[in-house]
C-alpha atoms as a PDB file:
ATOM      1  CA  MET A   1      94.835 105.982 115.089  1.00  0.00           C
ATOM      2  CA  LYS A   2      97.073 103.675 116.938  1.00  0.00           C
ATOM      3  CA  ALA A   3     100.414 102.466 115.785  1.00  0.00           C
ATOM      4  CA  THR A   4     100.070  99.147 114.077  1.00  0.00           C
ATOM      5  CA  GLU A   5     102.091  96.639 112.206  1.00  0.00           C
ATOM      6  CA  ALA A   6     100.869  96.228 108.693  1.00  0.00           C
ATOM      7  CA  LEU A   7     101.683  93.874 105.973  1.00  0.00           C
ATOM      8  CA  GLY A   8     101.200  95.567 102.680  1.00  0.00           C
ATOM      9  CA  VAL A   9      97.940  94.758 101.412  1.00  0.00           C
ATOM     10  CA  MET A  10      96.481  91.706 100.650  1.00  0.00           C
ATOM     11  CA  LEU A  11      96.294  93.984  99.189  1.00  0.00           C
ATOM     12  CA  LEU A  12      97.862  93.376 101.970  1.00  0.00           C
ATOM     13  CA  VAL A  13     100.556  91.966 100.364  1.00  0.00           C
ATOM     14  CA  LEU A  14     100.512  88.387 101.296  1.00  0.00           C
ATOM     15  CA  ALA A  15     103.441  87.166 103.105  1.00  0.00           C
ATOM     16  CA  GLY A  16     105.458  84.512 101.517  1.00  0.00           C
ATOM     17  CA  GLY A  17     106.172  83.598 105.091  1.00  0.00           C
ATOM     18  CA  CYS A  18     102.742  83.808 106.600  1.00  0.00           C
ATOM     19  CA  GLY A  19     103.639  83.643 110.262  1.00  0.00           C
ATOM     20  CA  PRO A  20     101.958  85.427 113.127  1.00  0.00           C
ATOM     21  CA  VAL A  21     102.139  89.205 113.299  1.00  0.00           C
ATOM     22  CA  GLU A  22     102.171  91.293 116.470  1.00  0.00           C
ATOM     23  CA  GLU A  23      99.008  93.090 117.452  1.00  0.00           C
ATOM     24  CA  PRO A  24      98.729  96.858 116.989  1.00  0.00           C
ATOM     25  CA  VAL A  25     100.417  98.879 119.711  1.00  0.00           C
ATOM     26  CA  ASN A  26     100.848 102.556 120.518  1.00  0.00           C
ATOM     27  CA  PRO A  27     104.307 102.980 122.044  1.00  0.00           C
ATOM     28  CA  SER A  28     103.874 106.701 122.727  1.00  0.00           C
ATOM     29  CA  GLY A  29     100.549 106.390 124.508  1.00  0.00           C
ATOM     30  CA  GLU A  30      99.242 109.380 122.540  1.00  0.00           C
ATOM     31  CA  PRO A  31      96.248 109.373 120.257  1.00  0.00           C
ATOM     32  CA  GLY A  32      97.257 109.609 116.663  1.00  0.00           C
ATOM     33  CA  HIS A  33      97.460 107.591 113.513  1.00  0.00           C
ATOM     34  CA  THR A  34     101.035 106.520 113.039  1.00  0.00           C
ATOM     35  CA  VAL A  35     101.193 103.177 111.320  1.00  0.00           C
ATOM     36  CA  VAL A  36     104.110 100.805 111.615  1.00  0.00           C
ATOM     37  CA  GLN A  37     104.184  98.512 108.628  1.00  0.00           C
ATOM     38  CA  ALA A  38     105.938  95.180 108.610  1.00  0.00           C
ATOM     39  CA  LEU A  39     105.376  93.629 105.240  1.00  0.00           C
ATOM     40  CA  GLU A  40     106.463  90.019 105.121  1.00  0.00           C
ATOM     41  CA  ASP A  41     106.516  89.745 101.365  1.00  0.00           C
ATOM     42  CA  GLY A  42     106.340  92.271  98.576  1.00  0.00           C
ATOM     43  CA  ASN A  43     105.427  90.062  95.637  1.00  0.00           C
ATOM     44  CA  GLY A  44     101.939  91.498  95.147  1.00  0.00           C
ATOM     45  CA  LEU A  45     100.252  88.112  95.172  1.00  0.00           C
ATOM     46  CA  ALA A  46      97.303  89.341  97.150  1.00  0.00           C
ATOM     47  CA  PHE A  47      96.633  92.242  94.863  1.00  0.00           C
ATOM     48  CA  ASN A  48      96.816  90.052  91.807  1.00  0.00           C
ATOM     49  CA  GLY A  49      94.744  87.251  93.233  1.00  0.00           C
ATOM     50  CA  LEU A  50      93.221  86.591  96.606  1.00  0.00           C
ATOM     51  CA  ALA A  51      92.651  90.079  97.932  1.00  0.00           C
ATOM     52  CA  PHE A  52      91.325  91.562  94.772  1.00  0.00           C
ATOM     53  CA  ASN A  53      88.890  88.704  94.357  1.00  0.00           C
ATOM     54  CA  GLY A  54      88.296  88.404  98.079  1.00  0.00           C
ATOM     55  CA  LEU A  55      86.771  91.828  98.487  1.00  0.00           C
ATOM     56  CA  ALA A  56      84.379  91.126  95.647  1.00  0.00           C
ATOM     57  CA  PHE A  57      83.388  87.579  96.458  1.00  0.00           C
ATOM     58  CA  ASN A  58      83.787  86.791 100.155  1.00  0.00           C
ATOM     59  CA  GLY A  59      80.327  88.141 100.891  1.00  0.00           C
ATOM     60  CA  LEU A  60      81.397  90.716 103.461  1.00  0.00           C
ATOM     61  CA  ALA A  61      80.493  93.737 101.363  1.00  0.00           C
ATOM     62  CA  PHE A  62      76.851  92.655 101.407  1.00  0.00           C
ATOM     63  CA  ASN A  63      76.645  90.814 104.728  1.00  0.00           C
ATOM     64  CA  GLY A  64      78.572  93.265 106.908  1.00  0.00           C
ATOM     65  CA  LEU A  65      81.845  93.065 108.784  1.00  0.00           C
ATOM     66  CA  ALA A  66      80.193  91.604 111.882  1.00  0.00           C
ATOM     67  CA  PHE A  67      78.877  88.243 113.069  1.00  0.00           C
ATOM     68  CA  ASN A  68      76.467  87.691 110.200  1.00  0.00           C
ATOM     69  CA  GLY A  69      79.075  88.342 107.543  1.00  0.00           C
ATOM     70  CA  LEU A  70      81.835  86.348 109.213  1.00  0.00           C
ATOM     71  CA  SER A  71      79.537  83.368 109.790  1.00  0.00           C
ATOM     72  CA  SER A  72      78.183  83.225 106.249  1.00  0.00           C
ATOM     73  CA  ALA A  73      78.828  80.274 103.962  1.00  0.00           C
ATOM     74  CA  SER A  74      80.339  82.531 101.297  1.00  0.00           C
ATOM     75  CA  PHE A  75      82.903  83.950 103.720  1.00  0.00           C
ATOM     76  CA  SER A  76      83.816  80.517 105.074  1.00  0.00           C
ATOM     77  CA  SER A  77      84.256  79.120 101.570  1.00  0.00           C
ATOM     78  CA  TRP A  78      86.481  82.048 100.602  1.00  0.00           C
ATOM     79  CA  PHE A  79      88.557  81.904 103.785  1.00  0.00           C
ATOM     80  CA  GLN A  80      89.226  78.175 103.563  1.00  0.00           C
ATOM     81  CA  GLN A  81      90.679  78.383 100.074  1.00  0.00           C
ATOM     82  CA  HIS A  82      93.827  80.064 101.461  1.00  0.00           C
ATOM     83  CA  PRO A  83      93.553  80.239 105.268  1.00  0.00           C
ATOM     84  CA  ALA A  84      96.958  81.760 106.018  1.00  0.00           C
ATOM     85  CA  GLU A  85      96.650  84.458 103.373  1.00  0.00           C
ATOM     86  CA  SER A  86      93.010  85.112 104.224  1.00  0.00           C
ATOM     87  CA  ASN A  87      93.959  85.540 107.874  1.00  0.00           C
ATOM     88  CA  LEU A  88      96.493  88.218 106.974  1.00  0.00           C
ATOM     89  CA  PHE A  89      94.069  89.954 104.679  1.00  0.00           C
ATOM     90  CA  MET A  90      91.405  90.061 107.348  1.00  0.00           C
ATOM     91  CA  LYS A  91      93.872  91.409 109.901  1.00  0.00           C
ATOM     92  CA  TYR A  92      94.408  94.543 107.860  1.00  0.00           C
ATOM     93  CA  LEU A  93      90.884  94.807 106.534  1.00  0.00           C
ATOM     94  CA  VAL A  94      89.570  94.817 110.101  1.00  0.00           C
ATOM     95  CA  HIS A  95      92.268  97.259 111.224  1.00  0.00           C
ATOM     96  CA  CYS A  96      91.237  99.727 108.544  1.00  0.00           C
ATOM     97  CA  SER A  97      87.489  99.278 108.970  1.00  0.00           C
ATOM     98  CA  VAL A  98      86.694  98.606 112.618  1.00  0.00           C
ATOM     99  CA  PRO A  99      87.208 101.031 115.537  1.00  0.00           C
ATOM    100  CA  ALA A 100      90.050 100.514 117.995  1.00  0.00           C
ATOM    101  CA  GLY A 101      89.040  98.456 121.011  1.00  0.00           C
ATOM    102  CA  GLN A 102      86.827  96.095 119.007  1.00  0.00           C
ATOM    103  CA  THR A 103      87.714  92.706 117.560  1.00  0.00           C
ATOM    104  CA  ARG A 104      86.240  90.402 114.951  1.00  0.00           C
ATOM    105  CA  THR A 105      86.410  86.631 115.335  1.00  0.00           C
ATOM    106  CA  TYR A 106      86.050  83.741 112.937  1.00  0.00           C
ATOM    107  CA  SER A 107      86.210  80.009 113.687  1.00  0.00           C
ATOM    108  CA  ASP A 108      86.485  77.289 111.078  1.00  0.00           C
ATOM    109  CA  GLY A 109      85.818  74.468 113.530  1.00  0.00           C
ATOM    110  CA  THR A 110      89.471  73.675 114.140  1.00  0.00           C
ATOM    111  CA  ALA A 111      91.011  77.109 114.654  1.00  0.00           C
ATOM    112  CA  SER A 112      89.810  80.527 115.750  1.00  0.00           C
ATOM    113  CA  TYR A 113      91.061  83.812 114.337  1.00  0.00           C
ATOM    114  CA  VAL A 114      90.806  87.162 116.101  1.00  0.00           C
ATOM    115  CA  TRP A 115      91.411  90.476 114.332  1.00  0.00           C
ATOM    116  CA  SER A 116      91.697  93.822 116.108  1.00  0.00           C
ATOM    117  CA  GLY A 117      90.125  97.063 114.964  1.00  0.00           C
ATOM    118  CA  GLY A 118      92.124 100.235 114.525  1.00  0.00           C
ATOM    119  CA  LEU A 119      91.115 103.148 112.341  1.00  0.00           C
ATOM    120  CA  GLY A 120      87.351 102.638 112.269  1.00  0.00           C
ATOM    121  CA  LEU A 121      86.960 104.008 108.751  1.00  0.00           C
ATOM    122  CA  ALA A 122      83.730 102.092 107.997  1.00  0.00           C
ATOM    123  CA  PRO A 123      81.376 102.468 110.997  1.00  0.00           C
ATOM    124  CA  GLY A 124      78.219 101.143 109.356  1.00  0.00           C
ATOM    125  CA  TRP A 125      79.906  98.183 107.720  1.00  0.00           C
ATOM    126  CA  SER A 126      81.640  97.361 111.005  1.00  0.00           C
ATOM    127  CA  ASN A 127      78.234  97.177 112.681  1.00  0.00           C
ATOM    128  CA  GLY A 128      76.878  94.646 110.199  1.00  0.00           C
ATOM    129  CA  SER A 129      75.331  96.782 107.472  1.00  0.00           C
ATOM    130  CA  PRO A 130      76.284  96.374 103.806  1.00  0.00           C
ATOM    131  CA  ALA A 131      79.298  98.504 102.931  1.00  0.00           C
ATOM    132  CA  THR A 132      78.267 101.845 101.458  1.00  0.00           C
ATOM    133  CA  LEU A 133      80.075 103.117  98.391  1.00  0.00           C
ATOM    134  CA  LYS A 134      82.055 105.592 100.495  1.00  0.00           C
ATOM    135  CA  GLU A 135      83.005 102.855 102.964  1.00  0.00           C
ATOM    136  CA  GLN A 136      84.219 100.671 100.112  1.00  0.00           C
ATOM    137  CA  GLN A 137      86.311 103.534  98.803  1.00  0.00           C
ATOM    138  CA  VAL A 138      87.888 104.672 102.049  1.00  0.00           C
ATOM    139  CA  VAL A 139      88.723 101.118 103.148  1.00  0.00           C
ATOM    140  CA  SER A 140      90.327 100.506  99.757  1.00  0.00           C
ATOM    141  CA  ALA A 141      92.378 103.679 100.195  1.00  0.00           C
ATOM    142  CA  CYS A 142      93.519 102.500 103.610  1.00  0.00           C
ATOM    143  CA  LEU A 143      94.648  99.140 102.308  1.00  0.00           C
ATOM    144  CA  GLY A 144      96.541 100.889  99.536  1.00  0.00           C
ATOM    145  CA  ALA A 145      98.227 103.211 102.011  1.00  0.00           C
ATOM    146  CA  LEU A 146      99.555 100.187 103.883  1.00  0.00           C
ATOM    147  CA  VAL A 147     101.424  98.716 100.936  1.00  0.00           C
ATOM    148  CA  ASN A 148     105.107  98.228 101.656  1.00  0.00           C
ATOM    149  CA  LYS A 149     107.119  96.833  98.789  1.00  0.00           C
ATOM    150  CA  TYR A 150     110.296  95.628 100.473  1.00  0.00           C
ATOM    151  CA  GLY A 151     109.120  93.734 103.532  1.00  0.00           C
ATOM    152  CA  ARG A 152     110.684  95.970 106.197  1.00  0.00           C
ATOM    153  CA  THR A 153     109.172  97.962 109.034  1.00  0.00           C
ATOM    154  CA  VAL A 154     108.349 101.529 108.077  1.00  0.00           C
ATOM    155  CA  GLN A 155     106.507 104.097 110.144  1.00  0.00           C
ATOM    156  CA  ILE A 156     104.031 106.267 108.299  1.00  0.00           C
ATOM    157  CA  SER A 157     101.432 108.846 109.239  1.00  0.00           C
ATOM    158  CA  ILE A 158      97.975 108.568 107.676  1.00  0.00           C
ATOM    159  CA  LEU A 159      95.774 111.643 107.322  1.00  0.00           C
ATOM    160  CA  GLY A 160      92.169 111.737 106.204  1.00  0.00           C
ATOM    161  CA  SER A 161      88.617 110.987 107.298  1.00  0.00           C
ATOM    162  CA  ASN A 162      86.367 108.004 107.797  1.00  0.00           C
ATOM    163  CA  ALA A 163      83.334 107.298 105.628  1.00  0.00           C
ATOM    164  CA  LEU A 164      81.245 109.720 107.716  1.00  0.00           C
ATOM    165  CA  GLY A 165      83.683 112.556 107.178  1.00  0.00           C
ATOM    166  CA  GLN A 166      85.146 112.428 110.696  1.00  0.00           C
ATOM    167  CA  SER A 167      88.877 113.161 110.735  1.00  0.00           C
ATOM    168  CA  ILE A 168      91.398 110.541 111.804  1.00  0.00           C
ATOM    169  CA  PRO A 169      92.923 111.939 115.035  1.00  0.00           C
ATOM    170  CA  THR A 170      96.458 113.266 114.979  1.00  0.00           C
ATOM    171  CA  THR A 171      98.832 115.069 117.342  1.00  0.00           C
ATOM    172  CA  PRO A 172     101.334 117.921 116.966  1.00  0.00           C
ATOM    173  CA  SER A 173     104.180 115.571 117.842  1.00  0.00           C
ATOM    174  CA  GLU A 174     103.174 113.192 115.069  1.00  0.00           C
ATOM    175  CA  LEU A 175     103.012 115.956 112.493  1.00  0.00           C
ATOM    176  CA  GLY A 176     106.361 117.219 113.745  1.00  0.00           C
ATOM    177  CA  SER A 177     108.006 113.829 113.232  1.00  0.00           C
ATOM    178  CA  PHE A 178     106.407 112.876 109.919  1.00  0.00           C
ATOM    179  CA  THR A 179     107.274 115.948 107.900  1.00  0.00           C
ATOM    180  CA  LEU A 180     107.864 114.392 104.494  1.00  0.00           C
ATOM    181  CA  ARG A 181     104.742 114.416 102.328  1.00  0.00           C
ATOM    182  CA  GLU A 182     104.469 111.101 100.527  1.00  0.00           C
ATOM    183  CA  GLY A 183     101.307 110.369  98.593  1.00  0.00           C
ATOM    184  CA  CYS A 184      97.557 110.105  98.132  1.00  0.00           C
ATOM    185  CA  PHE A 185      95.731 106.773  97.908  1.00  0.00           C
ATOM    186  CA  PHE A 186      92.234 106.175  96.548  1.00  0.00           C
ATOM    187  CA  GLY A 187      90.130 103.745  94.526  1.00  0.00           C
ATOM    188  CA  ASN A 188      87.678 100.892  95.005  1.00  0.00           C
ATOM    189  CA  LEU A 189      88.757  97.275  95.285  1.00  0.00           C
ATOM    190  CA  PHE A 190      85.234  96.076  96.017  1.00  0.00           C
ATOM    191  CA  ASN A 191      83.858  96.775  92.555  1.00  0.00           C
ATOM    192  CA  GLY A 192      87.040  96.224  90.561  1.00  0.00           C
ATOM    193  CA  GLU A 193      87.712  99.872  89.691  1.00  0.00           C
ATOM    194  CA  GLY A 194      91.244  99.485  91.002  1.00  0.00           C
ATOM    195  CA  LEU A 195      93.547 101.283  93.378  1.00  0.00           C
ATOM    196  CA  PHE A 196      95.456 104.470  92.601  1.00  0.00           C
ATOM    197  CA  VAL A 197      98.398 106.302  94.103  1.00  0.00           C
ATOM    198  CA  GLY A 198      99.883 109.716  93.447  1.00  0.00           C
ATOM    199  CA  ASN A 199     102.923 111.568  94.745  1.00  0.00           C
ATOM    200  CA  ASP A 200     102.358 114.483  97.126  1.00  0.00           C
ATOM    201  CA  GLN A 201     105.854 115.930  96.755  1.00  0.00           C
ATOM    202  CA  GLY A 202     108.137 115.544  93.747  1.00  0.00           C
ATOM    203  CA  LEU A 203     109.336 112.063  92.813  1.00  0.00           C
ATOM    204  CA  LEU A 204     112.566 110.912  94.404  1.00  0.00           C
ATOM    205  CA  PRO A 205     115.760 111.803  92.507  1.00  0.00           C
ATOM    206  CA  PRO A 206     117.573 108.915  90.771  1.00  0.00           C
ATOM    207  CA  ALA A 207     119.974 108.212  93.658  1.00  0.00           C
ATOM    208  CA  GLN A 208     117.280 107.978  96.338  1.00  0.00           C
ATOM    209  CA  SER A 209     114.852 105.240  97.339  1.00  0.00           C
ATOM    210  CA  SER A 210     112.271 104.384  99.969  1.00  0.00           C
ATOM    211  CA  LEU A 211     111.022 101.118 101.380  1.00  0.00           C
ATOM    212  CA  ARG A 212     107.550 102.376 100.586  1.00  0.00           C
ATOM    213  CA  ALA A 213     108.291 102.907  96.886  1.00  0.00           C
ATOM    214  CA  CYS A 214     104.736 103.123  95.574  1.00  0.00           C
ATOM    215  CA  ALA A 215     104.075 106.867  95.757  1.00  0.00           C
ATOM    216  CA  LEU A 216     107.471 108.520  95.360  1.00  0.00           C
ATOM    217  CA  SER A 217     109.089 106.209  92.811  1.00  0.00           C
ATOM    218  CA  GLY A 218     106.436 106.760  90.158  1.00  0.00           C
ATOM    219  CA  GLY A 219     105.979 104.596  87.087  1.00  0.00           C
ATOM    220  CA  ASN A 220     105.087 100.970  87.637  1.00  0.00           C
ATOM    221  CA  ALA A 221     106.786 100.564  91.027  1.00  0.00           C
ATOM    222  CA  CYS A 222     103.896  98.775  92.764  1.00  0.00           C
ATOM    223  CA  PRO A 223     101.616  97.004  90.303  1.00  0.00           C
ATOM    224  CA  PRO A 224      98.703  96.581  90.342  1.00  0.00           C
ATOM    225  CA  LEU A 225      98.519  99.989  92.026  1.00  0.00           C
ATOM    226  CA  THR A 226      98.265 102.529  89.238  1.00  0.00           C
ATOM    227  CA  HIS A 227     100.431 105.613  89.651  1.00  0.00           C
ATOM    228  CA  VAL A 228      98.497 108.653  88.437  1.00  0.00           C
ATOM    229  CA  GLY A 229     101.150 111.356  88.791  1.00  0.00           C
ATOM    230  CA  SER A 230     101.038 114.265  91.195  1.00  0.00           C
ATOM    231  CA  CYS A 231      98.197 114.350  93.716  1.00  0.00           C
ATOM    232  CA  HIS A 232      97.960 118.100  93.210  1.00  0.00           C
ATOM    233  CA  GLY A 233      96.664 117.700  89.679  1.00  0.00           C
ATOM    234  CA  ARG A 234      93.598 115.612  90.560  1.00  0.00           C
ATOM    235  CA  CYS A 235      92.960 115.945  94.312  1.00  0.00           C
ATOM    236  CA  ARG A 236      91.386 118.539  96.611  1.00  0.00           C
ATOM    237  CA  HIS A 237      92.964 119.645  99.908  1.00  0.00           C
ATOM    238  CA  ASP A 238      91.242 120.032 103.242  1.00  0.00           C
ATOM    239  CA  ILE A 239      90.864 123.606 104.497  1.00  0.00           C
ATOM    240  CA  THR A 240      94.210 123.477 106.322  1.00  0.00           C
ATOM    241  CA  GLY A 241      96.159 122.173 103.344  1.00  0.00           C
ATOM    242  CA  SER A 242      97.382 119.239 105.433  1.00  0.00           C
ATOM    243  CA  TYR A 243      95.920 116.396 103.392  1.00  0.00           C
ATOM    244  CA  PHE A 244      93.801 115.558 100.366  1.00  0.00           C
ATOM    245  CA  THR A 245      90.122 114.935 100.987  1.00  0.00           C
ATOM    246  CA  GLN A 246      89.201 113.556  97.553  1.00  0.00           C
ATOM    247  CA  CYS A 247      90.765 112.673  94.222  1.00  0.00           C
ATOM    248  CA  THR A 248      89.242 112.212  90.764  1.00  0.00           C
ATOM    249  CA  PHE A 249      90.315 109.639  88.191  1.00  0.00           C
ATOM    250  CA  ASN A 250      88.518 108.362  85.084  1.00  0.00           C
ATOM    251  CA  GLY A 251      85.577 110.593  85.908  1.00  0.00           C
ATOM    252  CA  VAL A 252      85.060 109.117  89.389  1.00  0.00           C
ATOM    253  CA  THR A 253      85.681 111.131  92.556  1.00  0.00           C
ATOM    254  CA  TYR A 254      86.943 109.120  95.530  1.00  0.00           C
ATOM    255  CA  PRO A 255      87.620 109.972  99.169  1.00  0.00           C
ATOM    256  CA  SER A 256      91.371 109.715  99.651  1.00  0.00           C
ATOM    257  CA  LEU A 257      93.922 109.130 102.381  1.00  0.00           C
ATOM    258  CA  THR A 258      97.234 110.972 102.546  1.00  0.00           C
ATOM    259  CA  THR A 259     100.502 109.597 103.908  1.00  0.00           C
ATOM    260  CA  ARG A 260     103.602 111.196 105.390  1.00  0.00           C
ATOM    261  CA  LEU A 261     107.042 109.782 106.141  1.00  0.00           C
ATOM    262  CA  ARG A 262     109.975 110.607 108.374  1.00  0.00           C
ATOM    263  CA  PRO A 263     112.949 112.113 106.497  1.00  0.00           C
ATOM    264  CA  GLN A 264     115.248 109.349 107.770  1.00  0.00           C
ATOM    265  CA  ASP A 265     113.222 106.771 105.850  1.00  0.00           C
ATOM    266  CA  ILE A 266     114.466 108.081 102.503  1.00  0.00           C
ATOM    267  CA  PHE A 267     117.789 106.481 101.519  1.00  0.00           C
ATOM    268  CA  THR A 268     120.544 107.722  99.224  1.00  0.00           C
ATOM    269  CA  CYS A 269     122.887 105.514  97.209  1.00  0.00           C
ATOM    270  CA  GLY A 270     126.371 106.503  98.341  1.00  0.00           C
ATOM    271  CA  ASP A 271     125.746 106.881 102.069  1.00  0.00           C
ATOM    272  CA  GLY A 272     127.702 103.694 102.790  1.00  0.00           C
ATOM    273  CA  ILE A 273     124.742 101.583 103.945  1.00  0.00           C
ATOM    274  CA  CYS A 274     123.224  98.936 101.695  1.00  0.00           C
ATOM    275  CA  GLN A 275     119.507  99.338 102.293  1.00  0.00           C
ATOM    276  CA  PRO A 276     116.793  96.786 101.419  1.00  0.00           C
ATOM    277  CA  SER A 277     115.725  99.107  98.598  1.00  0.00           C
ATOM    278  CA  GLU A 278     119.256  99.014  97.107  1.00  0.00           C
ATOM    279  CA  SER A 279     121.130  96.352  95.160  1.00  0.00           C
ATOM    280  CA  CYS A 280     124.709  95.643  94.190  1.00  0.00           C
ATOM    281  CA  GLY A 281     125.979  96.842  90.834  1.00  0.00           C
ATOM    282  CA  THR A 282     128.307  99.279  89.167  1.00  0.00           C
ATOM    283  CA  GLY A 283     126.249 102.473  89.242  1.00  0.00           C
ATOM    284  CA  THR A 284     124.931 105.128  91.571  1.00  0.00           C
ATOM    285  CA  ARG A 285     121.225 104.280  91.488  1.00  0.00           C
ATOM    286  CA  PRO A 286     119.436 102.189  94.120  1.00  0.00           C
ATOM    287  CA  ASP A 287     119.082  99.221  91.759  1.00  0.00           C
ATOM    288  CA  SER A 288     122.820  99.302  91.002  1.00  0.00           C
ATOM    289  CA  CYS A 289     124.537 100.907  93.971  1.00  0.00           C
ATOM    290  CA  ARG A 290     128.196  99.949  94.027  1.00  0.00           C
ATOM    291  CA  ARG A 291     129.277 102.222  96.859  1.00  0.00           C
ATOM    292  CA  ASP A 292     126.723 100.861  99.308  1.00  0.00           C
ATOM    293  CA  CYS A 293     126.199  97.265  98.163  1.00  0.00           C
ATOM    294  CA  GLY A 294     129.310  96.340  96.183  1.00  0.00           C
ATOM    295  CA  SER A 295     129.720  95.347  92.570  1.00  0.00           C
ATOM    296  CA  CYS A 296     128.051  91.899  92.731  1.00  0.00           C
ATOM    297  CA  GLY A 297     131.376  90.267  91.948  1.00  0.00           C
END
């Protein structure tokens, strides 16, 4: 996959400032699937409202993520309710679903919107067919993997397969840079089953934090994503042990995507730098980190 700039999810977490976002780029020129996320707002509005409902009711699941679906009355009605937020949602939906090199376009009569493909996780849906169950699941997992709670750029590596079981390409240099196992993401936003995240390694110790937050912080760090504990207790590895191919929750088995981070993207209260994931206070935890952020006085 190419490097891209992602907003969280509308699941993409909708930006409170919904300005334009740069198009996906690949600075290294190598094939791979490093994702650069730039979340403009981490308030979860899209998950709680537009995005959750959008995937169920904008008609795309049945009409296809191609001309027919994007020109349907149901899609137009959905898009026009919140154009700025819908534009952001579609940017990341198309990036997850449609292959790199393709675009999807929508015009409302006064403005045109163009969204670039990236990962190509849903080949049939991208070509105009109704989304299969597996396509719904893997696209949902992708959107979940792009959640970024704090609104700062974070590079991540995404491992897994598309809905046909074809692996997302990677490179040795990518795996050598993104050595910190983060989490597994799975679920189905199309049918309302929800979105789930687990931690691949142990949870972060009390003094550490990450801009990503959702997988390694545990608990209720990124509602409405549901943290389900360790990935190892409910997920199956690929034959190399590099990533999880599927995870089971509430009796349903989902295809999953696995994420990795760079070690430098984990922060420690006490290192002298007040990070976006840290706050002033009197303690030594990220939410009350006196040494890095002061005492709030």
